């Protein structure tokens, strides 16, 4: 089972720096033994590097203006200071129309980069296929399109067009998503997508 992304415990712990709703240091490391914190990336990267990171890992349409504001407001040492920089980069009218908090994509981008989440997911999927026996299942719960795309493409690439090429059978032709009732109980589940594949 791949339950991807950051946990509720990590989000609720201010000192970890994952949440834009809580004041804390810009850490964002899932493994506290890892050498690189988000603060180092935010304060040391060039503007062009920040723009690329936010665009690629956050899929943020305002990546250029956010990167510019980050550079202007450096040093940035807390989650609140980062939120303020993002806020200054996005027009008020746009912020009001957003379904998600305006800082969501940028925080996601730095977290994914610091923890090498996409690379870890690709490696984990490959290793799971090696150790699974016949009839074993890979179950993935993803929370954003970058993760979901990797899982979907991995399943498809191992399903094969011919039976002789197939290593996996895709159980969920379309991802399962939470019901309205579940989202009301748990807002963090609203973007979840569950996919299942079985080893042949």
N, C-alpha and C. Protein backbone atom coordinates (compact mmCIF):
# COMPACT_ATOMS: atom_id res chain seq x y z
N UNK A 1 0.85 -1.19 0.00
CA UNK A 1 0.00 0.00 0.00
C UNK A 1 0.88 1.24 0.00
N UNK A 2 0.68 2.09 -0.98
CA UNK A 2 1.37 3.37 -1.05
C UNK A 2 0.37 4.47 -0.66
N UNK A 3 0.49 4.96 0.57
CA UNK A 3 -0.34 6.08 1.04
C UNK A 3 0.55 7.31 0.94
N UNK A 4 0.46 8.01 -0.17
CA UNK A 4 1.47 8.99 -0.55
C UNK A 4 1.28 10.35 0.12
N UNK A 5 2.36 11.12 0.07
CA UNK A 5 2.31 12.48 0.59
C UNK A 5 2.60 12.58 2.07
N UNK A 6 2.24 13.73 2.62
CA UNK A 6 2.52 14.05 4.02
C UNK A 6 1.39 13.57 4.91
N UNK A 7 1.71 13.13 6.12
CA UNK A 7 0.68 12.62 7.04
C UNK A 7 0.01 13.75 7.81
N UNK A 8 -1.16 13.47 8.37
CA UNK A 8 -1.87 14.46 9.18
C UNK A 8 -1.03 14.86 10.39
N UNK A 9 -0.31 13.89 10.97
CA UNK A 9 0.55 14.20 12.12
C UNK A 9 1.61 15.22 11.72
N UNK A 10 2.24 15.01 10.57
CA UNK A 10 3.27 15.94 10.11
C UNK A 10 2.68 17.32 9.83
N UNK A 11 1.50 17.36 9.21
CA UNK A 11 0.85 18.64 8.92
C UNK A 11 0.51 19.39 10.20
N UNK A 12 0.12 18.66 11.23
CA UNK A 12 -0.32 19.28 12.48
C UNK A 12 0.82 19.65 13.41
N UNK A 13 2.05 19.26 13.08
CA UNK A 13 3.20 19.56 13.92
C UNK A 13 3.90 20.81 13.38
N UNK A 14 3.74 21.93 14.08
CA UNK A 14 4.23 23.22 13.60
C UNK A 14 5.72 23.21 13.26
N UNK A 15 6.51 22.54 14.08
CA UNK A 15 7.96 22.58 13.92
C UNK A 15 8.46 21.85 12.67
N UNK A 16 7.59 21.07 12.03
CA UNK A 16 8.00 20.37 10.81
C UNK A 16 7.91 21.28 9.58
N UNK A 17 7.08 22.33 9.64
CA UNK A 17 7.03 23.30 8.56
C UNK A 17 6.27 22.89 7.31
N UNK A 18 5.42 21.86 7.42
CA UNK A 18 4.68 21.39 6.25
C UNK A 18 3.43 22.23 5.96
N UNK A 19 2.85 22.84 6.97
CA UNK A 19 1.54 23.47 6.82
C UNK A 19 1.63 24.99 6.70
N UNK A 20 0.90 25.53 5.74
CA UNK A 20 0.82 26.98 5.60
C UNK A 20 -0.15 27.58 6.60
N UNK A 21 -0.90 26.75 7.32
CA UNK A 21 -1.85 27.22 8.33
C UNK A 21 -1.20 27.42 9.69
N UNK A 22 0.02 26.91 9.85
CA UNK A 22 0.68 26.96 11.16
C UNK A 22 2.03 27.66 11.05
N UNK A 23 2.35 28.48 12.04
CA UNK A 23 3.63 29.19 12.08
C UNK A 23 4.72 28.22 12.51
N UNK A 24 5.78 28.15 11.73
CA UNK A 24 6.88 27.26 12.09
C UNK A 24 8.08 27.47 11.18
N UNK A 25 9.18 26.81 11.49
CA UNK A 25 10.38 26.91 10.65
C UNK A 25 10.17 26.18 9.33
N UNK A 26 10.89 26.60 8.31
CA UNK A 26 10.75 26.00 6.98
C UNK A 26 11.65 24.77 6.87
N UNK A 27 11.20 23.68 7.47
CA UNK A 27 11.95 22.43 7.46
C UNK A 27 11.48 21.55 6.30
N UNK A 28 10.28 20.99 6.43
CA UNK A 28 9.61 20.17 5.40
C UNK A 28 10.28 18.83 5.13
N UNK A 29 11.22 18.40 5.96
CA UNK A 29 11.84 17.09 5.76
C UNK A 29 10.97 16.01 6.39
N UNK A 30 10.69 14.95 5.66
CA UNK A 30 10.01 13.80 6.24
C UNK A 30 10.98 12.98 7.09
N UNK A 31 12.20 12.87 6.60
CA UNK A 31 13.27 12.20 7.34
C UNK A 31 14.16 13.29 7.95
N UNK A 32 14.11 13.42 9.27
CA UNK A 32 14.86 14.49 9.94
C UNK A 32 16.37 14.29 9.87
N UNK A 33 16.81 13.14 9.37
CA UNK A 33 18.25 12.91 9.17
C UNK A 33 18.72 13.44 7.81
N UNK A 34 17.78 13.79 6.95
CA UNK A 34 18.15 14.32 5.63
C UNK A 34 18.85 15.67 5.79
N UNK A 35 19.84 15.95 4.96
CA UNK A 35 20.63 17.17 5.15
C UNK A 35 19.97 18.47 4.70
N UNK A 36 19.07 18.41 3.73
CA UNK A 36 18.55 19.64 3.12
C UNK A 36 17.16 20.01 3.63
N UNK A 37 17.04 21.23 4.14
CA UNK A 37 15.75 21.77 4.58
C UNK A 37 15.18 22.67 3.49
N UNK A 38 13.87 22.89 3.55
CA UNK A 38 13.23 23.78 2.58
C UNK A 38 13.79 25.20 2.68
N UNK A 39 14.13 25.63 3.88
CA UNK A 39 14.67 26.98 4.08
C UNK A 39 15.91 27.22 3.24
N UNK A 40 16.75 26.21 3.12
CA UNK A 40 17.98 26.35 2.33
C UNK A 40 17.67 26.53 0.85
N UNK A 41 16.71 25.77 0.36
CA UNK A 41 16.31 25.88 -1.04
C UNK A 41 15.71 27.26 -1.31
N UNK A 42 14.82 27.68 -0.44
CA UNK A 42 14.11 28.95 -0.61
C UNK A 42 15.06 30.14 -0.59
N UNK A 43 16.09 30.08 0.23
CA UNK A 43 16.98 31.23 0.40
C UNK A 43 18.25 31.19 -0.45
N UNK A 44 18.56 30.04 -1.02
CA UNK A 44 19.81 29.93 -1.78
C UNK A 44 19.62 29.79 -3.28
N UNK A 45 18.50 29.25 -3.71
CA UNK A 45 18.29 29.04 -5.14
C UNK A 45 18.13 30.37 -5.87
N UNK A 46 18.59 30.39 -7.11
CA UNK A 46 18.39 31.56 -7.96
C UNK A 46 16.91 31.66 -8.34
N UNK A 47 16.50 32.85 -8.75
CA UNK A 47 15.10 33.08 -9.09
C UNK A 47 14.62 32.11 -10.18
N UNK A 48 15.43 31.90 -11.20
CA UNK A 48 15.04 31.00 -12.29
C UNK A 48 14.89 29.56 -11.79
N UNK A 49 15.75 29.16 -10.87
CA UNK A 49 15.66 27.80 -10.30
C UNK A 49 14.40 27.64 -9.46
N UNK A 50 14.07 28.67 -8.69
CA UNK A 50 12.84 28.64 -7.89
C UNK A 50 11.61 28.57 -8.78
N UNK A 51 11.62 29.37 -9.85
CA UNK A 51 10.48 29.38 -10.78
C UNK A 51 10.25 28.01 -11.38
N UNK A 52 11.34 27.37 -11.81
CA UNK A 52 11.23 26.04 -12.41
C UNK A 52 10.73 25.01 -11.40
N UNK A 53 11.25 25.06 -10.19
CA UNK A 53 10.86 24.13 -9.13
C UNK A 53 9.38 24.25 -8.82
N UNK A 54 8.91 25.49 -8.63
CA UNK A 54 7.51 25.74 -8.28
C UNK A 54 6.58 25.35 -9.42
N UNK A 55 7.02 25.61 -10.65
CA UNK A 55 6.20 25.27 -11.82
C UNK A 55 6.11 23.75 -12.02
N UNK A 56 7.24 23.07 -11.91
CA UNK A 56 7.26 21.63 -12.20
C UNK A 56 6.67 20.78 -11.08
N UNK A 57 6.99 21.11 -9.84
CA UNK A 57 6.54 20.28 -8.72
C UNK A 57 5.25 20.77 -8.08
N UNK A 58 4.88 22.02 -8.36
CA UNK A 58 3.64 22.55 -7.82
C UNK A 58 2.57 22.77 -8.87
N UNK A 59 2.97 22.72 -10.15
CA UNK A 59 2.05 23.02 -11.26
C UNK A 59 1.35 24.34 -11.01
N UNK A 60 2.14 25.31 -10.57
CA UNK A 60 1.64 26.62 -10.16
C UNK A 60 1.72 27.61 -11.32
N UNK A 61 0.57 28.14 -11.79
CA UNK A 61 0.58 29.08 -12.92
C UNK A 61 1.26 30.42 -12.60
N UNK A 62 1.36 30.77 -11.31
CA UNK A 62 2.01 32.02 -10.91
C UNK A 62 3.44 31.79 -10.43
N UNK A 63 4.07 30.74 -10.93
CA UNK A 63 5.41 30.38 -10.45
C UNK A 63 6.43 31.49 -10.64
N UNK A 64 6.34 32.22 -11.75
CA UNK A 64 7.33 33.26 -12.01
C UNK A 64 7.21 34.40 -11.01
N UNK A 65 6.00 34.88 -10.78
CA UNK A 65 5.82 36.00 -9.84
C UNK A 65 6.09 35.57 -8.40
N UNK A 66 5.78 34.31 -8.07
CA UNK A 66 6.06 33.81 -6.72
C UNK A 66 7.57 33.75 -6.49
N UNK A 67 8.30 33.23 -7.46
CA UNK A 67 9.76 33.16 -7.34
C UNK A 67 10.35 34.56 -7.17
N UNK A 68 9.82 35.51 -7.91
CA UNK A 68 10.31 36.89 -7.82
C UNK A 68 10.07 37.46 -6.43
N UNK A 69 8.88 37.23 -5.88
CA UNK A 69 8.57 37.74 -4.54
C UNK A 69 9.42 37.06 -3.46
N UNK A 70 9.68 35.79 -3.62
CA UNK A 70 10.53 35.08 -2.66
C UNK A 70 11.91 35.71 -2.62
N UNK A 71 12.48 35.97 -3.79
CA UNK A 71 13.81 36.58 -3.86
C UNK A 71 13.80 37.98 -3.25
N UNK A 72 12.75 38.75 -3.52
CA UNK A 72 12.64 40.11 -2.98
C UNK A 72 12.53 40.12 -1.46
N UNK A 73 11.87 39.14 -0.90
CA UNK A 73 11.59 39.13 0.54
C UNK A 73 12.60 38.30 1.34
N UNK A 74 13.59 37.74 0.71
CA UNK A 74 14.58 36.95 1.44
C UNK A 74 15.40 37.82 2.39
N UNK A 75 15.85 37.26 3.53
CA UNK A 75 15.71 35.87 3.95
C UNK A 75 14.30 35.53 4.44
N UNK A 76 13.83 34.35 4.07
CA UNK A 76 12.53 33.83 4.50
C UNK A 76 12.81 32.62 5.39
N UNK A 77 12.36 32.71 6.64
CA UNK A 77 12.73 31.68 7.61
C UNK A 77 11.55 30.93 8.21
N UNK A 78 10.32 31.43 8.02
CA UNK A 78 9.16 30.77 8.62
C UNK A 78 8.08 30.51 7.56
N UNK A 79 7.17 29.62 7.91
CA UNK A 79 6.05 29.32 7.01
C UNK A 79 5.21 30.56 6.74
N UNK A 80 5.03 31.39 7.77
CA UNK A 80 4.23 32.60 7.61
C UNK A 80 4.88 33.56 6.63
N UNK A 81 6.19 33.70 6.70
CA UNK A 81 6.90 34.58 5.77
C UNK A 81 6.80 34.07 4.33
N UNK A 82 6.83 32.76 4.16
CA UNK A 82 6.67 32.20 2.82
C UNK A 82 5.25 32.43 2.31
N UNK A 83 4.26 32.24 3.16
CA UNK A 83 2.87 32.50 2.77
C UNK A 83 2.70 33.95 2.34
N UNK A 84 3.32 34.87 3.07
CA UNK A 84 3.22 36.30 2.74
C UNK A 84 3.83 36.60 1.37
N UNK A 85 4.93 35.95 1.05
CA UNK A 85 5.57 36.15 -0.26
C UNK A 85 4.68 35.62 -1.38
N UNK A 86 4.07 34.46 -1.16
CA UNK A 86 3.16 33.88 -2.15
C UNK A 86 1.94 34.78 -2.33
N UNK A 87 1.42 35.26 -1.23
CA UNK A 87 0.23 36.13 -1.26
C UNK A 87 0.49 37.39 -2.08
N UNK A 88 1.69 37.95 -1.93
CA UNK A 88 2.04 39.17 -2.65
C UNK A 88 2.17 38.94 -4.15
N UNK A 89 2.36 37.68 -4.55
CA UNK A 89 2.59 37.36 -5.96
C UNK A 89 1.31 37.06 -6.74
N UNK A 90 0.22 36.78 -6.03
CA UNK A 90 -1.02 36.37 -6.69
C UNK A 90 -2.09 37.45 -6.51
N UNK A 91 -2.67 37.94 -7.60
CA UNK A 91 -3.69 39.00 -7.50
C UNK A 91 -4.84 38.61 -6.58
N UNK A 92 -5.39 39.61 -5.88
CA UNK A 92 -6.47 39.38 -4.92
C UNK A 92 -7.66 38.69 -5.58
N UNK A 93 -8.07 39.15 -6.75
CA UNK A 93 -9.23 38.58 -7.43
C UNK A 93 -9.03 37.10 -7.74
N UNK A 94 -7.81 36.74 -8.08
CA UNK A 94 -7.50 35.34 -8.38
C UNK A 94 -7.55 34.52 -7.10
N UNK A 95 -6.97 35.05 -6.03
CA UNK A 95 -6.96 34.33 -4.75
C UNK A 95 -8.37 34.02 -4.27
N UNK A 96 -9.28 34.97 -4.44
CA UNK A 96 -10.66 34.78 -3.97
C UNK A 96 -11.37 33.67 -4.73
N UNK A 97 -10.98 33.44 -5.97
CA UNK A 97 -11.65 32.44 -6.80
C UNK A 97 -11.05 31.04 -6.66
N UNK A 98 -9.92 30.94 -5.98
CA UNK A 98 -9.24 29.65 -5.87
C UNK A 98 -10.00 28.68 -4.97
N UNK A 99 -10.10 27.43 -5.41
CA UNK A 99 -10.76 26.39 -4.61
C UNK A 99 -9.87 25.95 -3.46
N UNK A 100 -8.56 25.92 -3.71
CA UNK A 100 -7.60 25.57 -2.67
C UNK A 100 -6.93 26.83 -2.14
N UNK A 101 -6.30 26.71 -0.99
CA UNK A 101 -5.53 27.82 -0.43
C UNK A 101 -4.45 28.22 -1.44
N UNK A 102 -4.21 29.52 -1.56
CA UNK A 102 -3.28 30.01 -2.58
C UNK A 102 -1.84 29.54 -2.39
N UNK A 103 -1.50 29.08 -1.19
CA UNK A 103 -0.12 28.63 -0.93
C UNK A 103 0.06 27.13 -1.14
N UNK A 104 -1.03 26.42 -1.40
CA UNK A 104 -0.98 24.95 -1.47
C UNK A 104 0.06 24.45 -2.46
N UNK A 105 0.02 24.95 -3.68
CA UNK A 105 0.89 24.42 -4.74
C UNK A 105 2.38 24.71 -4.47
N UNK A 106 2.67 25.88 -3.94
CA UNK A 106 4.07 26.23 -3.67
C UNK A 106 4.64 25.40 -2.53
N UNK A 107 3.86 25.24 -1.47
CA UNK A 107 4.30 24.40 -0.36
C UNK A 107 4.51 22.96 -0.84
N UNK A 108 3.59 22.48 -1.67
CA UNK A 108 3.72 21.14 -2.25
C UNK A 108 5.03 21.02 -3.03
N UNK A 109 5.33 22.03 -3.82
CA UNK A 109 6.53 21.99 -4.67
C UNK A 109 7.80 21.85 -3.84
N UNK A 110 7.93 22.67 -2.80
CA UNK A 110 9.14 22.60 -1.97
C UNK A 110 9.22 21.28 -1.20
N UNK A 111 8.08 20.79 -0.72
CA UNK A 111 8.06 19.53 0.02
C UNK A 111 8.49 18.36 -0.88
N UNK A 112 7.94 18.32 -2.10
CA UNK A 112 8.28 17.25 -3.04
C UNK A 112 9.77 17.29 -3.38
N UNK A 113 10.29 18.49 -3.61
CA UNK A 113 11.70 18.62 -3.98
C UNK A 113 12.62 18.20 -2.84
N UNK A 114 12.35 18.70 -1.64
CA UNK A 114 13.20 18.41 -0.48
C UNK A 114 13.26 16.91 -0.19
N UNK A 115 12.13 16.23 -0.36
CA UNK A 115 12.04 14.81 0.00
C UNK A 115 12.22 13.86 -1.19
N UNK A 116 12.44 14.41 -2.37
CA UNK A 116 12.60 13.60 -3.59
C UNK A 116 11.43 12.62 -3.73
N UNK A 117 10.23 13.12 -3.50
CA UNK A 117 9.06 12.25 -3.41
C UNK A 117 8.76 11.50 -4.70
N UNK A 118 8.91 12.14 -5.83
CA UNK A 118 8.56 11.48 -7.10
C UNK A 118 9.56 10.38 -7.43
N UNK A 119 10.84 10.64 -7.16
CA UNK A 119 11.86 9.61 -7.38
C UNK A 119 11.65 8.43 -6.43
N UNK A 120 11.30 8.74 -5.17
CA UNK A 120 11.06 7.68 -4.19
C UNK A 120 9.85 6.83 -4.60
N UNK A 121 8.82 7.47 -5.14
CA UNK A 121 7.64 6.75 -5.59
C UNK A 121 7.98 5.81 -6.74
N UNK A 122 8.72 6.31 -7.73
CA UNK A 122 9.11 5.47 -8.87
C UNK A 122 9.93 4.26 -8.41
N UNK A 123 10.88 4.50 -7.50
CA UNK A 123 11.70 3.40 -6.98
C UNK A 123 10.86 2.40 -6.19
N UNK A 124 9.94 2.91 -5.39
CA UNK A 124 9.09 2.05 -4.58
C UNK A 124 8.18 1.17 -5.41
N UNK A 125 7.62 1.73 -6.47
CA UNK A 125 6.75 0.94 -7.36
C UNK A 125 7.54 -0.18 -8.03
N UNK A 126 8.73 0.15 -8.50
CA UNK A 126 9.57 -0.85 -9.18
C UNK A 126 9.94 -1.99 -8.22
N UNK A 127 10.29 -1.64 -6.99
CA UNK A 127 10.68 -2.67 -6.01
C UNK A 127 9.48 -3.51 -5.58
N UNK A 128 8.31 -2.88 -5.48
CA UNK A 128 7.12 -3.63 -5.08
C UNK A 128 6.78 -4.70 -6.12
N UNK A 129 6.99 -4.38 -7.38
CA UNK A 129 6.72 -5.34 -8.45
C UNK A 129 7.67 -6.53 -8.37
N UNK A 130 8.89 -6.27 -7.93
CA UNK A 130 9.89 -7.34 -7.81
C UNK A 130 9.54 -8.32 -6.68
N UNK A 131 9.02 -7.80 -5.57
CA UNK A 131 8.80 -8.67 -4.40
C UNK A 131 7.40 -9.27 -4.34
N UNK A 132 6.45 -8.73 -5.12
CA UNK A 132 5.08 -9.26 -5.10
C UNK A 132 5.01 -10.64 -5.74
N UNK A 133 4.23 -11.53 -5.13
CA UNK A 133 3.95 -12.81 -5.74
C UNK A 133 2.72 -12.72 -6.62
N UNK A 134 2.44 -13.79 -7.36
CA UNK A 134 1.27 -13.83 -8.23
C UNK A 134 0.00 -13.59 -7.41
N UNK A 135 -0.85 -12.69 -7.89
CA UNK A 135 -2.08 -12.36 -7.19
C UNK A 135 -1.92 -11.25 -6.17
N UNK A 136 -0.67 -10.87 -5.91
CA UNK A 136 -0.43 -9.75 -5.00
C UNK A 136 -0.86 -8.44 -5.64
N UNK A 137 -1.24 -7.49 -4.81
CA UNK A 137 -1.76 -6.23 -5.35
C UNK A 137 -0.96 -5.01 -4.90
N UNK A 138 -0.82 -4.08 -5.81
CA UNK A 138 -0.26 -2.76 -5.50
C UNK A 138 -1.43 -1.80 -5.38
N UNK A 139 -1.54 -1.16 -4.23
CA UNK A 139 -2.61 -0.19 -3.99
C UNK A 139 -1.97 1.17 -3.73
N UNK A 140 -2.42 2.17 -4.44
CA UNK A 140 -1.86 3.51 -4.31
C UNK A 140 -2.95 4.52 -4.00
N UNK A 141 -2.69 5.37 -3.00
CA UNK A 141 -3.57 6.51 -2.71
C UNK A 141 -2.73 7.76 -2.92
N UNK A 142 -3.06 8.52 -3.96
CA UNK A 142 -2.32 9.74 -4.28
C UNK A 142 -3.19 10.96 -4.02
N UNK A 143 -2.51 12.12 -3.86
CA UNK A 143 -3.23 13.33 -3.50
C UNK A 143 -2.99 14.50 -4.44
N UNK A 144 -2.21 14.28 -5.48
CA UNK A 144 -2.07 15.32 -6.51
C UNK A 144 -1.70 14.66 -7.83
N UNK A 145 -1.82 15.41 -8.90
CA UNK A 145 -1.72 14.84 -10.25
C UNK A 145 -0.34 14.29 -10.57
N UNK A 146 0.71 14.85 -9.99
CA UNK A 146 2.06 14.35 -10.28
C UNK A 146 2.22 12.92 -9.80
N UNK A 147 1.79 12.65 -8.57
CA UNK A 147 1.84 11.29 -8.03
C UNK A 147 0.95 10.35 -8.83
N UNK A 148 -0.28 10.79 -9.06
CA UNK A 148 -1.25 9.93 -9.75
C UNK A 148 -0.78 9.57 -11.15
N UNK A 149 -0.16 10.52 -11.82
CA UNK A 149 0.34 10.28 -13.18
C UNK A 149 1.43 9.21 -13.19
N UNK A 150 2.32 9.26 -12.21
CA UNK A 150 3.39 8.27 -12.13
C UNK A 150 2.81 6.88 -11.91
N UNK A 151 1.85 6.76 -10.98
CA UNK A 151 1.23 5.47 -10.69
C UNK A 151 0.48 4.95 -11.92
N UNK A 152 -0.32 5.81 -12.53
CA UNK A 152 -1.10 5.43 -13.72
C UNK A 152 -0.19 4.94 -14.84
N UNK A 153 0.87 5.68 -15.12
CA UNK A 153 1.79 5.30 -16.20
C UNK A 153 2.55 4.02 -15.87
N UNK A 154 2.89 3.83 -14.59
CA UNK A 154 3.58 2.60 -14.18
C UNK A 154 2.67 1.39 -14.40
N UNK A 155 1.42 1.50 -13.96
CA UNK A 155 0.47 0.41 -14.15
C UNK A 155 0.28 0.10 -15.63
N UNK A 156 0.08 1.14 -16.43
CA UNK A 156 -0.16 0.95 -17.86
C UNK A 156 1.05 0.33 -18.56
N UNK A 157 2.24 0.77 -18.19
CA UNK A 157 3.44 0.27 -18.86
C UNK A 157 3.70 -1.20 -18.57
N UNK A 158 3.17 -1.70 -17.44
CA UNK A 158 3.37 -3.10 -17.08
C UNK A 158 2.13 -3.96 -17.36
N UNK A 159 1.06 -3.31 -17.81
CA UNK A 159 -0.14 -4.08 -18.17
C UNK A 159 0.02 -4.68 -19.57
N UNK A 160 0.65 -3.92 -20.48
CA UNK A 160 0.93 -4.43 -21.81
C UNK A 160 -0.31 -4.50 -22.69
N UNK A 161 -0.10 -4.39 -24.01
CA UNK A 161 -1.20 -4.47 -24.97
C UNK A 161 -1.54 -5.93 -25.31
N UNK A 162 -0.54 -6.80 -25.19
CA UNK A 162 -0.75 -8.23 -25.42
C UNK A 162 -0.66 -8.96 -24.08
N UNK A 163 -1.43 -10.03 -23.94
CA UNK A 163 -1.40 -10.80 -22.69
C UNK A 163 0.01 -11.28 -22.36
N UNK A 164 0.78 -11.62 -23.39
CA UNK A 164 2.13 -12.13 -23.17
C UNK A 164 3.07 -11.06 -22.61
N UNK A 165 2.71 -9.78 -22.84
CA UNK A 165 3.55 -8.68 -22.36
C UNK A 165 3.18 -8.24 -20.94
N UNK A 166 2.06 -8.69 -20.45
CA UNK A 166 1.51 -8.16 -19.21
C UNK A 166 2.16 -8.75 -17.97
N UNK A 167 2.48 -7.89 -17.04
CA UNK A 167 2.97 -8.28 -15.72
C UNK A 167 1.92 -7.93 -14.68
N UNK A 168 1.13 -6.90 -14.99
CA UNK A 168 0.08 -6.43 -14.08
C UNK A 168 -1.27 -6.43 -14.76
N UNK A 169 -2.31 -6.63 -13.97
CA UNK A 169 -3.68 -6.45 -14.41
C UNK A 169 -4.23 -5.25 -13.65
N UNK A 170 -4.71 -4.25 -14.37
CA UNK A 170 -5.25 -3.05 -13.73
C UNK A 170 -6.67 -3.34 -13.24
N UNK A 171 -6.87 -3.22 -11.95
CA UNK A 171 -8.18 -3.50 -11.34
C UNK A 171 -9.09 -2.28 -11.43
N UNK A 172 -8.53 -1.11 -11.24
CA UNK A 172 -9.32 0.13 -11.28
C UNK A 172 -9.06 0.82 -12.61
N UNK A 173 -9.99 0.69 -13.56
CA UNK A 173 -9.81 1.33 -14.86
C UNK A 173 -9.78 2.85 -14.70
N UNK A 174 -10.59 3.34 -13.77
CA UNK A 174 -10.56 4.75 -13.38
C UNK A 174 -10.30 4.79 -11.88
N UNK A 175 -9.61 5.82 -11.39
CA UNK A 175 -9.30 5.86 -9.96
C UNK A 175 -10.57 6.01 -9.11
N UNK A 176 -10.55 5.39 -7.93
CA UNK A 176 -11.64 5.58 -6.98
C UNK A 176 -11.40 6.88 -6.22
N UNK A 177 -12.46 7.64 -6.04
CA UNK A 177 -12.36 8.93 -5.34
C UNK A 177 -13.32 8.94 -4.15
N UNK A 178 -13.07 9.79 -3.15
CA UNK A 178 -13.92 9.79 -1.96
C UNK A 178 -15.33 10.31 -2.24
N UNK A 179 -16.28 9.81 -1.48
CA UNK A 179 -17.66 10.28 -1.59
C UNK A 179 -17.78 11.66 -0.94
N UNK A 180 -18.87 12.34 -1.22
CA UNK A 180 -19.12 13.65 -0.60
C UNK A 180 -19.17 13.52 0.92
N UNK A 181 -19.75 12.40 1.38
CA UNK A 181 -19.86 12.17 2.82
C UNK A 181 -18.47 12.05 3.46
N UNK A 182 -17.58 11.33 2.78
CA UNK A 182 -16.23 11.17 3.32
C UNK A 182 -15.48 12.49 3.34
N UNK A 183 -15.65 13.29 2.31
CA UNK A 183 -14.99 14.60 2.25
C UNK A 183 -15.49 15.51 3.37
N UNK A 184 -16.78 15.42 3.68
CA UNK A 184 -17.33 16.21 4.78
C UNK A 184 -16.71 15.80 6.11
N UNK A 185 -16.43 14.50 6.25
CA UNK A 185 -15.81 14.00 7.49
C UNK A 185 -14.32 14.33 7.55
N UNK A 186 -13.69 14.33 6.37
CA UNK A 186 -12.24 14.52 6.32
C UNK A 186 -11.89 15.34 5.09
N UNK A 187 -11.71 16.64 5.26
CA UNK A 187 -11.43 17.54 4.15
C UNK A 187 -10.15 17.17 3.40
N UNK A 188 -9.20 16.59 4.11
CA UNK A 188 -7.92 16.25 3.48
C UNK A 188 -8.04 15.12 2.47
N UNK A 189 -9.18 14.44 2.48
CA UNK A 189 -9.38 13.32 1.54
C UNK A 189 -9.93 13.79 0.20
N UNK A 190 -10.23 15.08 0.07
CA UNK A 190 -10.98 15.55 -1.11
C UNK A 190 -10.25 15.31 -2.43
N UNK A 191 -8.93 15.33 -2.42
CA UNK A 191 -8.19 15.15 -3.68
C UNK A 191 -7.62 13.73 -3.84
N UNK A 192 -7.99 12.82 -2.96
CA UNK A 192 -7.43 11.47 -2.98
C UNK A 192 -7.91 10.67 -4.19
N UNK A 193 -6.99 9.89 -4.76
CA UNK A 193 -7.33 8.96 -5.85
C UNK A 193 -6.69 7.61 -5.53
N UNK A 194 -7.50 6.56 -5.59
CA UNK A 194 -7.01 5.21 -5.27
C UNK A 194 -6.96 4.37 -6.54
N UNK A 195 -5.81 3.75 -6.77
CA UNK A 195 -5.62 2.87 -7.92
C UNK A 195 -5.10 1.51 -7.44
N UNK A 196 -5.53 0.45 -8.12
CA UNK A 196 -5.14 -0.91 -7.75
C UNK A 196 -4.71 -1.68 -8.99
N UNK A 197 -3.62 -2.43 -8.86
CA UNK A 197 -3.18 -3.34 -9.92
C UNK A 197 -2.76 -4.66 -9.28
N UNK A 198 -2.98 -5.76 -10.00
CA UNK A 198 -2.68 -7.10 -9.48
C UNK A 198 -1.60 -7.76 -10.33
N UNK A 199 -0.64 -8.40 -9.65
CA UNK A 199 0.44 -9.06 -10.39
C UNK A 199 -0.05 -10.38 -10.98
N UNK A 200 0.28 -10.61 -12.23
CA UNK A 200 -0.15 -11.82 -12.94
C UNK A 200 0.87 -12.95 -12.77
